[in-house]
N, C-alpha and C. Protein backbone atom coordinates (compact mmCIF):
# COMPACT_ATOMS: atom_id res chain seq x y z
N MET A 1 70.86 97.89 144.88
CA MET A 1 71.07 97.08 143.69
C MET A 1 70.92 97.92 142.42
N LYS A 2 69.93 98.87 142.45
CA LYS A 2 69.73 99.72 141.28
C LYS A 2 70.96 100.57 141.01
N ASN A 3 71.59 101.11 142.06
CA ASN A 3 72.78 101.93 141.88
C ASN A 3 73.92 101.13 141.29
N TRP A 4 74.07 99.89 141.69
CA TRP A 4 75.12 99.01 141.17
C TRP A 4 74.89 98.75 139.67
N THR A 5 73.63 98.49 139.28
CA THR A 5 73.31 98.25 137.88
C THR A 5 73.57 99.51 137.05
N LEU A 6 73.17 100.67 137.57
CA LEU A 6 73.41 101.91 136.87
C LEU A 6 74.90 102.18 136.70
N ALA A 7 75.66 101.95 137.77
CA ALA A 7 77.12 102.14 137.70
C ALA A 7 77.74 101.18 136.69
N GLY A 8 77.24 99.95 136.65
CA GLY A 8 77.74 98.96 135.69
C GLY A 8 77.45 99.38 134.26
N CYS A 9 76.25 99.92 134.01
CA CYS A 9 75.90 100.37 132.66
C CYS A 9 76.77 101.54 132.22
N ILE A 10 77.00 102.48 133.15
CA ILE A 10 77.85 103.63 132.83
C ILE A 10 79.27 103.16 132.52
N ALA A 11 79.77 102.21 133.32
CA ALA A 11 81.12 101.68 133.08
C ALA A 11 81.18 101.00 131.72
N CYS A 12 80.16 100.22 131.35
CA CYS A 12 80.15 99.54 130.04
C CYS A 12 80.16 100.56 128.91
N LEU A 13 79.35 101.62 129.05
CA LEU A 13 79.32 102.64 128.01
C LEU A 13 80.66 103.33 127.87
N SER A 14 81.32 103.60 129.00
CA SER A 14 82.60 104.29 128.90
C SER A 14 83.66 103.39 128.29
N PHE A 15 83.64 102.09 128.60
CA PHE A 15 84.59 101.18 127.96
C PHE A 15 84.30 101.08 126.47
N GLY A 16 83.00 101.01 126.12
CA GLY A 16 82.63 100.94 124.71
C GLY A 16 83.09 102.16 123.95
N GLN A 17 82.98 103.33 124.59
CA GLN A 17 83.40 104.57 123.94
C GLN A 17 84.90 104.53 123.65
N VAL A 18 85.69 104.06 124.60
CA VAL A 18 87.13 104.00 124.41
C VAL A 18 87.47 103.04 123.28
N ALA A 19 86.80 101.88 123.27
CA ALA A 19 87.10 100.88 122.23
C ALA A 19 86.75 101.43 120.85
N LEU A 20 85.59 102.08 120.72
CA LEU A 20 85.19 102.62 119.41
C LEU A 20 86.03 103.82 119.02
N ALA A 21 86.36 104.65 120.00
CA ALA A 21 87.11 105.86 119.70
C ALA A 21 88.51 105.54 119.19
N ASP A 22 89.02 104.38 119.52
CA ASP A 22 90.36 104.00 119.11
C ASP A 22 90.40 103.21 117.80
N ALA A 23 89.24 102.96 117.20
CA ALA A 23 89.19 102.18 115.97
C ALA A 23 89.60 103.04 114.78
N PRO A 24 90.72 102.73 114.11
CA PRO A 24 91.12 103.54 112.95
C PRO A 24 90.22 103.28 111.75
N ILE A 25 89.84 104.35 111.08
CA ILE A 25 89.02 104.23 109.88
C ILE A 25 89.68 105.00 108.75
N LEU A 26 89.27 104.68 107.54
CA LEU A 26 89.73 105.37 106.35
C LEU A 26 88.60 106.27 105.89
N VAL A 27 88.90 107.56 105.67
CA VAL A 27 87.89 108.51 105.20
C VAL A 27 88.39 109.18 103.93
N ASP A 28 87.45 109.63 103.09
CA ASP A 28 87.85 110.31 101.87
C ASP A 28 88.02 111.81 102.13
N ALA A 29 88.29 112.58 101.09
CA ALA A 29 88.53 114.01 101.23
C ALA A 29 87.33 114.76 101.80
N ASN A 30 86.12 114.19 101.65
CA ASN A 30 84.90 114.79 102.17
C ASN A 30 84.56 114.29 103.57
N GLN A 31 85.51 113.57 104.18
CA GLN A 31 85.34 112.97 105.50
C GLN A 31 84.23 111.91 105.53
N GLN A 32 83.98 111.29 104.37
CA GLN A 32 83.01 110.21 104.29
C GLN A 32 83.71 108.89 104.59
N PHE A 33 83.06 108.02 105.33
CA PHE A 33 83.60 106.72 105.70
C PHE A 33 83.87 105.87 104.46
N VAL A 34 85.09 105.34 104.35
CA VAL A 34 85.45 104.42 103.28
C VAL A 34 85.47 103.00 103.82
N GLY A 35 86.12 102.79 104.97
CA GLY A 35 86.19 101.48 105.59
C GLY A 35 87.08 101.51 106.81
N TYR A 36 87.18 100.37 107.45
CA TYR A 36 88.04 100.23 108.62
C TYR A 36 89.45 99.91 108.16
N TYR A 37 90.41 100.63 108.68
CA TYR A 37 91.82 100.42 108.33
C TYR A 37 92.25 99.04 108.82
N SER A 38 92.86 98.27 107.91
CA SER A 38 93.31 96.93 108.26
C SER A 38 94.81 96.75 108.05
N GLY A 39 95.47 97.71 107.42
CA GLY A 39 96.91 97.63 107.23
C GLY A 39 97.33 98.29 105.94
N THR A 40 98.63 98.51 105.82
CA THR A 40 99.19 99.14 104.63
C THR A 40 99.99 98.12 103.86
N GLU A 41 99.73 98.01 102.57
CA GLU A 41 100.48 97.12 101.70
C GLU A 41 101.44 97.98 100.87
N LEU A 42 102.01 97.43 99.81
CA LEU A 42 103.00 98.16 99.02
C LEU A 42 102.48 99.48 98.47
N THR A 43 101.32 99.45 97.80
CA THR A 43 100.82 100.66 97.13
C THR A 43 99.39 101.01 97.53
N TYR A 44 98.84 100.36 98.52
CA TYR A 44 97.45 100.61 98.87
C TYR A 44 97.19 100.34 100.35
N ILE A 45 95.99 100.72 100.77
CA ILE A 45 95.53 100.48 102.13
C ILE A 45 94.57 99.30 102.11
N ARG A 46 94.84 98.32 102.93
CA ARG A 46 93.93 97.18 103.08
C ARG A 46 92.79 97.64 103.99
N THR A 47 91.56 97.46 103.55
CA THR A 47 90.39 98.05 104.19
C THR A 47 89.29 97.00 104.36
N ILE A 48 88.47 97.18 105.39
CA ILE A 48 87.32 96.30 105.63
C ILE A 48 86.07 97.18 105.61
N SER A 49 85.09 96.80 104.80
CA SER A 49 83.86 97.60 104.68
C SER A 49 82.97 97.40 105.91
N ARG A 50 81.92 98.21 106.00
CA ARG A 50 80.95 98.07 107.11
C ARG A 50 80.27 96.70 107.09
N THR A 51 80.18 96.08 105.93
CA THR A 51 79.53 94.77 105.85
C THR A 51 80.54 93.63 105.97
N GLY A 52 81.81 93.96 106.20
CA GLY A 52 82.81 92.93 106.46
C GLY A 52 83.57 92.42 105.26
N TYR A 53 83.50 93.09 104.12
CA TYR A 53 84.26 92.67 102.95
C TYR A 53 85.62 93.36 102.93
N VAL A 54 86.65 92.63 102.50
CA VAL A 54 88.01 93.15 102.45
C VAL A 54 88.29 93.66 101.04
N PHE A 55 88.92 94.85 100.97
CA PHE A 55 89.28 95.41 99.67
C PHE A 55 90.49 96.30 99.86
N GLY A 56 91.13 96.67 98.76
CA GLY A 56 92.27 97.57 98.80
C GLY A 56 91.93 98.86 98.08
N VAL A 57 92.44 99.98 98.60
CA VAL A 57 92.18 101.27 97.99
C VAL A 57 93.47 102.09 98.02
N GLU A 58 93.73 102.79 96.92
CA GLU A 58 94.93 103.63 96.84
C GLU A 58 94.69 104.94 97.59
N MET A 59 95.61 105.29 98.46
CA MET A 59 95.47 106.45 99.33
C MET A 59 95.39 107.76 98.54
N GLN A 60 96.25 107.96 97.55
CA GLN A 60 96.31 109.24 96.85
C GLN A 60 95.21 109.41 95.80
N SER A 61 94.85 108.33 95.08
CA SER A 61 93.86 108.46 94.01
C SER A 61 92.44 108.13 94.46
N GLY A 62 92.29 107.37 95.53
CA GLY A 62 90.97 106.95 95.98
C GLY A 62 90.41 105.78 95.21
N ALA A 63 91.19 105.25 94.24
CA ALA A 63 90.72 104.15 93.40
C ALA A 63 90.86 102.81 94.11
N LEU A 64 89.91 101.92 93.86
CA LEU A 64 90.05 100.55 94.35
C LEU A 64 91.15 99.88 93.56
N ILE A 65 91.89 99.02 94.22
CA ILE A 65 92.97 98.33 93.50
C ILE A 65 92.37 97.25 92.61
N THR A 66 93.07 96.95 91.55
CA THR A 66 92.60 95.95 90.59
C THR A 66 93.45 94.70 90.67
N THR A 67 93.90 94.37 91.86
CA THR A 67 94.70 93.17 92.07
C THR A 67 94.19 92.44 93.30
N ARG A 68 94.77 91.29 93.55
CA ARG A 68 94.44 90.57 94.78
C ARG A 68 94.91 91.38 95.97
N VAL A 69 94.21 91.25 97.07
CA VAL A 69 94.55 91.97 98.29
C VAL A 69 95.40 91.05 99.16
N GLY A 70 96.70 91.22 99.10
CA GLY A 70 97.57 90.41 99.92
C GLY A 70 99.02 90.79 99.75
N PRO A 71 99.83 90.66 100.80
CA PRO A 71 101.22 91.12 100.73
C PRO A 71 102.11 90.29 99.81
N GLN A 72 101.74 89.06 99.50
CA GLN A 72 102.63 88.22 98.71
C GLN A 72 102.41 88.37 97.21
N TYR A 73 101.49 89.24 96.80
CA TYR A 73 101.19 89.39 95.39
C TYR A 73 101.95 90.55 94.76
N SER A 74 102.31 90.37 93.48
CA SER A 74 102.86 91.50 92.74
C SER A 74 101.70 92.36 92.28
N SER A 75 101.98 93.52 91.72
CA SER A 75 100.91 94.45 91.37
C SER A 75 100.09 94.02 90.16
N ASN A 76 100.48 92.96 89.47
CA ASN A 76 99.72 92.56 88.28
C ASN A 76 98.98 91.25 88.46
N THR A 77 98.78 90.79 89.68
CA THR A 77 98.09 89.54 89.92
C THR A 77 96.60 89.79 90.10
N ILE A 78 95.79 89.21 89.24
CA ILE A 78 94.34 89.36 89.29
C ILE A 78 93.72 87.97 89.26
N PRO A 79 92.75 87.68 90.14
CA PRO A 79 92.08 86.39 90.07
C PRO A 79 91.43 86.17 88.70
N THR A 80 91.53 84.99 88.19
CA THR A 80 90.96 84.64 86.90
C THR A 80 89.50 84.24 87.05
N LEU A 81 88.64 84.80 86.20
CA LEU A 81 87.24 84.40 86.17
C LEU A 81 87.11 83.14 85.33
N MET A 82 86.45 82.12 85.86
CA MET A 82 86.28 80.84 85.16
C MET A 82 84.80 80.57 84.93
N PHE A 83 84.53 79.82 83.87
CA PHE A 83 83.15 79.53 83.47
C PHE A 83 83.01 78.06 83.13
N LEU A 84 81.78 77.54 83.24
CA LEU A 84 81.53 76.13 82.92
C LEU A 84 81.29 75.93 81.42
N THR A 85 81.07 77.02 80.69
CA THR A 85 80.86 76.96 79.24
C THR A 85 82.18 77.22 78.52
N VAL A 86 82.27 76.86 77.23
CA VAL A 86 83.51 77.09 76.48
C VAL A 86 83.61 78.51 75.91
N ASP A 87 82.55 79.32 76.06
CA ASP A 87 82.56 80.67 75.50
C ASP A 87 82.55 81.78 76.57
N CYS A 88 82.93 81.46 77.79
CA CYS A 88 83.01 82.43 78.88
C CYS A 88 81.69 83.15 79.15
N THR A 89 80.60 82.42 79.09
CA THR A 89 79.29 82.98 79.42
C THR A 89 78.72 82.22 80.61
N GLY A 90 77.71 82.81 81.20
CA GLY A 90 77.08 82.17 82.35
C GLY A 90 77.73 82.61 83.65
N PRO A 91 77.40 81.94 84.73
CA PRO A 91 77.96 82.30 86.04
C PRO A 91 79.49 82.21 86.05
N ALA A 92 80.11 83.16 86.76
CA ALA A 92 81.58 83.18 86.88
C ALA A 92 81.98 82.55 88.22
N PHE A 93 83.21 82.01 88.22
CA PHE A 93 83.76 81.38 89.42
C PHE A 93 85.20 81.81 89.58
N VAL A 94 85.72 81.69 90.79
CA VAL A 94 87.12 81.95 91.07
C VAL A 94 87.62 80.76 91.88
N SER A 95 88.86 80.37 91.64
CA SER A 95 89.45 79.23 92.34
C SER A 95 90.31 79.75 93.49
N PRO A 96 90.13 79.23 94.70
CA PRO A 96 90.91 79.70 95.84
C PRO A 96 92.33 79.15 95.81
N GLU A 97 93.27 79.96 95.32
CA GLU A 97 94.67 79.52 95.26
C GLU A 97 95.35 79.64 96.62
N ASN A 98 94.85 80.52 97.48
CA ASN A 98 95.35 80.65 98.85
C ASN A 98 94.33 81.44 99.66
N GLU A 99 94.66 81.82 100.89
CA GLU A 99 93.68 82.45 101.78
C GLU A 99 93.17 83.79 101.27
N PHE A 100 93.86 84.46 100.35
CA PHE A 100 93.40 85.75 99.86
C PHE A 100 92.37 85.63 98.73
N ASP A 101 92.08 84.42 98.31
CA ASP A 101 91.04 84.20 97.30
C ASP A 101 89.76 83.67 97.93
N LEU A 102 89.67 83.74 99.23
CA LEU A 102 88.51 83.19 99.92
C LEU A 102 87.34 84.16 99.88
N PRO A 103 86.15 83.67 100.20
CA PRO A 103 84.97 84.54 100.23
C PRO A 103 85.17 85.73 101.16
N GLY A 104 84.48 86.82 100.81
CA GLY A 104 84.57 88.02 101.62
C GLY A 104 85.56 89.04 101.08
N TYR A 105 86.09 88.82 99.88
CA TYR A 105 87.04 89.75 99.27
C TYR A 105 86.43 90.38 98.03
N VAL A 106 86.78 91.65 97.77
CA VAL A 106 86.38 92.37 96.57
C VAL A 106 87.65 92.63 95.78
N TRP A 107 87.65 92.31 94.49
CA TRP A 107 88.82 92.56 93.66
C TRP A 107 88.36 93.13 92.33
N GLY A 108 89.28 93.72 91.60
CA GLY A 108 88.90 94.42 90.38
C GLY A 108 89.60 93.94 89.14
N HIS A 109 88.98 94.26 88.02
CA HIS A 109 89.53 93.97 86.69
C HIS A 109 89.61 95.22 85.85
N GLY A 110 89.34 96.37 86.41
CA GLY A 110 89.37 97.62 85.67
C GLY A 110 88.75 98.72 86.48
N PRO A 111 88.67 99.92 85.92
CA PRO A 111 88.19 101.08 86.67
C PRO A 111 86.81 100.90 87.32
N ALA A 112 85.90 100.22 86.66
CA ALA A 112 84.56 100.02 87.25
C ALA A 112 84.12 98.58 87.09
N ASP A 113 85.03 97.67 87.14
CA ASP A 113 84.76 96.26 86.85
C ASP A 113 85.24 95.40 88.02
N PHE A 114 84.45 95.37 89.11
CA PHE A 114 84.85 94.68 90.33
C PHE A 114 83.95 93.50 90.62
N TYR A 115 84.54 92.50 91.26
CA TYR A 115 83.83 91.27 91.61
C TYR A 115 84.04 90.97 93.08
N TYR A 116 83.19 90.08 93.61
CA TYR A 116 83.36 89.61 94.98
C TYR A 116 82.95 88.15 95.08
N ALA A 117 83.49 87.49 96.10
CA ALA A 117 83.06 86.14 96.46
C ALA A 117 82.27 86.29 97.74
N LEU A 118 81.04 85.82 97.75
CA LEU A 118 80.11 85.98 98.85
C LEU A 118 80.68 85.43 100.15
N LYS A 119 80.59 86.22 101.22
CA LYS A 119 81.05 85.76 102.53
C LYS A 119 80.28 84.49 102.90
N GLY A 120 80.98 83.54 103.48
CA GLY A 120 80.34 82.31 103.93
C GLY A 120 80.11 81.28 102.85
N ALA A 121 80.51 81.59 101.61
CA ALA A 121 80.34 80.63 100.53
C ALA A 121 81.19 79.38 100.79
N VAL A 122 80.67 78.25 100.41
CA VAL A 122 81.38 76.98 100.58
C VAL A 122 81.98 76.60 99.22
N PRO A 123 83.26 76.22 99.19
CA PRO A 123 83.84 75.85 97.89
C PRO A 123 83.18 74.59 97.33
N THR A 124 83.02 74.60 96.02
CA THR A 124 82.40 73.48 95.32
C THR A 124 83.35 73.01 94.23
N MET A 125 83.42 71.70 94.04
CA MET A 125 84.26 71.14 92.99
C MET A 125 83.54 71.33 91.65
N ARG A 126 84.20 72.02 90.73
CA ARG A 126 83.66 72.26 89.38
C ARG A 126 84.78 72.03 88.38
N SER A 127 84.39 71.84 87.11
CA SER A 127 85.36 71.67 86.03
C SER A 127 85.18 72.81 85.03
N PRO A 128 85.87 73.94 85.24
CA PRO A 128 85.72 75.08 84.34
C PRO A 128 86.17 74.72 82.92
N ALA A 129 85.42 75.22 81.93
CA ALA A 129 85.74 74.95 80.52
C ALA A 129 86.36 76.16 79.83
N SER A 130 86.28 77.34 80.47
CA SER A 130 86.88 78.54 79.88
C SER A 130 87.22 79.52 80.99
N ALA A 131 88.05 80.52 80.61
CA ALA A 131 88.48 81.52 81.59
C ALA A 131 88.91 82.78 80.88
N LYS A 132 88.89 83.89 81.62
CA LYS A 132 89.46 85.14 81.14
C LYS A 132 89.88 85.98 82.33
N GLN A 133 90.90 86.78 82.10
CA GLN A 133 91.46 87.60 83.16
C GLN A 133 90.50 88.72 83.56
N SER A 134 89.78 89.27 82.60
CA SER A 134 88.78 90.29 82.88
C SER A 134 87.66 90.15 81.86
N PRO A 135 86.49 90.75 82.13
CA PRO A 135 85.38 90.62 81.19
C PRO A 135 85.67 91.13 79.79
N THR A 136 86.64 92.04 79.62
CA THR A 136 86.95 92.55 78.28
C THR A 136 88.06 91.75 77.58
N ASP A 137 88.71 90.83 78.29
CA ASP A 137 89.77 90.01 77.69
C ASP A 137 89.16 88.90 76.83
N PRO A 138 89.95 88.37 75.90
CA PRO A 138 89.46 87.25 75.10
C PRO A 138 89.27 86.01 75.97
N CYS A 139 88.33 85.19 75.56
CA CYS A 139 88.03 83.95 76.27
C CYS A 139 89.07 82.89 75.92
N GLN A 140 89.54 82.18 76.94
CA GLN A 140 90.49 81.09 76.73
C GLN A 140 89.80 79.77 77.07
N VAL A 141 89.82 78.83 76.13
CA VAL A 141 89.23 77.52 76.38
C VAL A 141 90.20 76.71 77.23
N LEU A 142 89.66 76.07 78.27
CA LEU A 142 90.46 75.25 79.17
C LEU A 142 90.17 73.77 78.95
N THR A 143 91.12 72.94 79.31
CA THR A 143 90.85 71.51 79.39
C THR A 143 90.19 71.30 80.74
N PRO A 144 88.91 70.91 80.75
CA PRO A 144 88.21 70.80 82.03
C PRO A 144 88.91 69.86 83.00
N ALA A 145 89.13 70.34 84.18
CA ALA A 145 89.73 69.55 85.26
C ALA A 145 89.07 69.99 86.56
N PRO A 146 88.68 69.06 87.40
CA PRO A 146 88.01 69.43 88.65
C PRO A 146 88.91 70.30 89.54
N ARG A 147 88.31 71.35 90.09
CA ARG A 147 89.01 72.21 91.03
C ARG A 147 87.99 72.87 91.94
N LEU A 148 88.43 73.24 93.13
CA LEU A 148 87.55 73.94 94.06
C LEU A 148 87.31 75.36 93.56
N THR A 149 86.07 75.80 93.61
CA THR A 149 85.74 77.15 93.15
C THR A 149 84.69 77.78 94.06
N PHE A 150 84.66 79.11 94.02
CA PHE A 150 83.61 79.90 94.66
C PHE A 150 82.92 80.70 93.58
N PRO A 151 81.59 80.92 93.69
CA PRO A 151 80.93 81.82 92.74
C PRO A 151 81.50 83.23 92.86
N ALA A 152 81.66 83.91 91.73
CA ALA A 152 82.13 85.30 91.69
C ALA A 152 81.01 86.15 91.11
N PHE A 153 80.69 87.23 91.79
CA PHE A 153 79.60 88.10 91.37
C PHE A 153 80.12 89.50 91.08
N PRO A 154 79.48 90.22 90.13
CA PRO A 154 79.83 91.63 89.95
C PRO A 154 79.58 92.38 91.25
N ASN A 155 80.46 93.32 91.58
CA ASN A 155 80.34 94.04 92.85
C ASN A 155 78.97 94.67 93.00
N ASP A 156 78.38 94.46 94.16
CA ASP A 156 77.10 95.06 94.53
C ASP A 156 77.34 95.84 95.83
N PRO A 157 77.42 97.18 95.77
CA PRO A 157 77.71 97.96 96.96
C PRO A 157 76.73 97.72 98.12
N ASP A 158 75.49 97.33 97.81
CA ASP A 158 74.53 97.03 98.87
C ASP A 158 74.92 95.77 99.64
N VAL A 159 75.63 94.86 99.00
CA VAL A 159 76.08 93.63 99.65
C VAL A 159 77.46 93.84 100.27
N THR A 160 78.40 94.36 99.49
CA THR A 160 79.79 94.44 99.93
C THR A 160 80.12 95.68 100.74
N GLY A 161 79.34 96.75 100.58
CA GLY A 161 79.67 98.01 101.24
C GLY A 161 80.84 98.71 100.57
N VAL A 162 81.18 98.30 99.35
CA VAL A 162 82.32 98.86 98.62
C VAL A 162 81.80 99.46 97.32
N GLN A 163 82.04 100.76 97.13
CA GLN A 163 81.62 101.38 95.86
C GLN A 163 82.66 101.06 94.79
N SER A 164 82.20 100.93 93.55
CA SER A 164 83.12 100.61 92.45
C SER A 164 83.82 101.84 91.89
N THR A 165 83.27 103.01 92.13
CA THR A 165 83.88 104.24 91.65
C THR A 165 84.91 104.73 92.67
N PRO A 166 85.91 105.49 92.24
CA PRO A 166 86.92 105.97 93.19
C PRO A 166 86.31 106.85 94.28
N TYR A 167 86.91 106.77 95.45
CA TYR A 167 86.53 107.65 96.56
C TYR A 167 87.22 109.00 96.35
N ALA A 168 86.68 110.07 96.93
CA ALA A 168 87.25 111.41 96.76
C ALA A 168 88.65 111.47 97.38
N PRO A 169 89.69 111.67 96.56
CA PRO A 169 91.05 111.69 97.09
C PRO A 169 91.40 113.04 97.69
N PRO A 170 92.42 113.10 98.51
CA PRO A 170 93.18 111.97 99.04
C PRO A 170 92.46 111.36 100.24
N LEU A 171 92.75 110.09 100.51
CA LEU A 171 92.16 109.41 101.66
C LEU A 171 93.05 109.62 102.87
N SER A 172 92.48 109.51 104.04
CA SER A 172 93.28 109.65 105.26
C SER A 172 92.78 108.68 106.31
N ILE A 173 93.67 108.35 107.22
CA ILE A 173 93.33 107.46 108.32
C ILE A 173 92.93 108.35 109.49
N SER A 174 91.82 108.02 110.11
CA SER A 174 91.27 108.83 111.18
C SER A 174 90.86 107.92 112.33
N LEU A 175 90.44 108.50 113.44
CA LEU A 175 89.90 107.74 114.56
C LEU A 175 88.40 107.97 114.59
N PHE A 176 87.66 106.90 114.83
CA PHE A 176 86.21 106.97 114.88
C PHE A 176 85.78 107.59 116.20
N ASP A 177 84.97 108.63 116.15
CA ASP A 177 84.48 109.28 117.34
C ASP A 177 83.02 108.87 117.54
N ALA A 178 82.81 107.89 118.40
CA ALA A 178 81.48 107.32 118.59
C ALA A 178 80.46 108.35 119.06
N TRP A 179 80.83 109.23 119.97
CA TRP A 179 79.87 110.18 120.50
C TRP A 179 79.47 111.21 119.45
N ASN A 180 80.39 111.71 118.64
CA ASN A 180 80.03 112.65 117.59
C ASN A 180 79.11 112.00 116.57
N SER A 181 79.32 110.73 116.27
CA SER A 181 78.45 110.03 115.33
C SER A 181 77.06 109.84 115.91
N LEU A 182 76.98 109.52 117.19
CA LEU A 182 75.68 109.29 117.82
C LEU A 182 74.86 110.58 117.89
N PHE A 183 75.52 111.71 118.14
CA PHE A 183 74.81 112.96 118.33
C PHE A 183 74.91 113.90 117.13
N ALA A 184 75.33 113.40 115.98
CA ALA A 184 75.53 114.24 114.80
C ALA A 184 74.23 114.83 114.29
N ASP A 185 73.08 114.22 114.61
CA ASP A 185 71.81 114.71 114.11
C ASP A 185 71.17 115.76 115.02
N GLY A 186 71.90 116.23 116.03
CA GLY A 186 71.35 117.24 116.92
C GLY A 186 70.50 116.67 118.03
N PHE A 187 70.67 115.39 118.32
CA PHE A 187 69.90 114.71 119.36
C PHE A 187 69.95 115.47 120.69
N GLU A 188 71.12 116.02 121.00
CA GLU A 188 71.26 116.69 122.29
C GLU A 188 70.43 117.97 122.37
N ALA A 189 70.00 118.51 121.22
CA ALA A 189 69.21 119.74 121.22
C ALA A 189 67.72 119.47 121.36
N ALA A 190 67.30 118.22 121.25
CA ALA A 190 65.87 117.89 121.25
C ALA A 190 65.22 118.02 122.59
């Protein structure tokens, strides 16, 4: 029975190695992990962070994209930040216009001005009184009308796993080597 259990464990490890070794990842010029490759869009790579947040990054510049992450969007579409006050102060919200505005996405409004909607957030009906396209844009007063919204927070790399500064360009798609990662600290020499 012990031999069967040992053989089963070895088989599980070898299957796990194959599955991990085939996982495509995005790395920067320094071979640092950027995220898991999720697909190529018009001008960027759709990526998933280690913490499960979706974001887009430009392959040649290493910059995070400042638009919604989705194939149906043009390059100038940015989620609008909405507020319950008339002067665009206080907590920010975003309205889910479709599946790409749902929680778990990171989007930008400028070189270092990124936001996210917390994964698992439940939409709440709110009546925004003001909005702006980015924090530096002028505030627009809205006629309050109830709509579903999610809280929007300034990007926190500890939560999202996404840095707001550009990654070292150029980026490349690679295969994850589970065994090299496990033994990278010289474990085999101990």
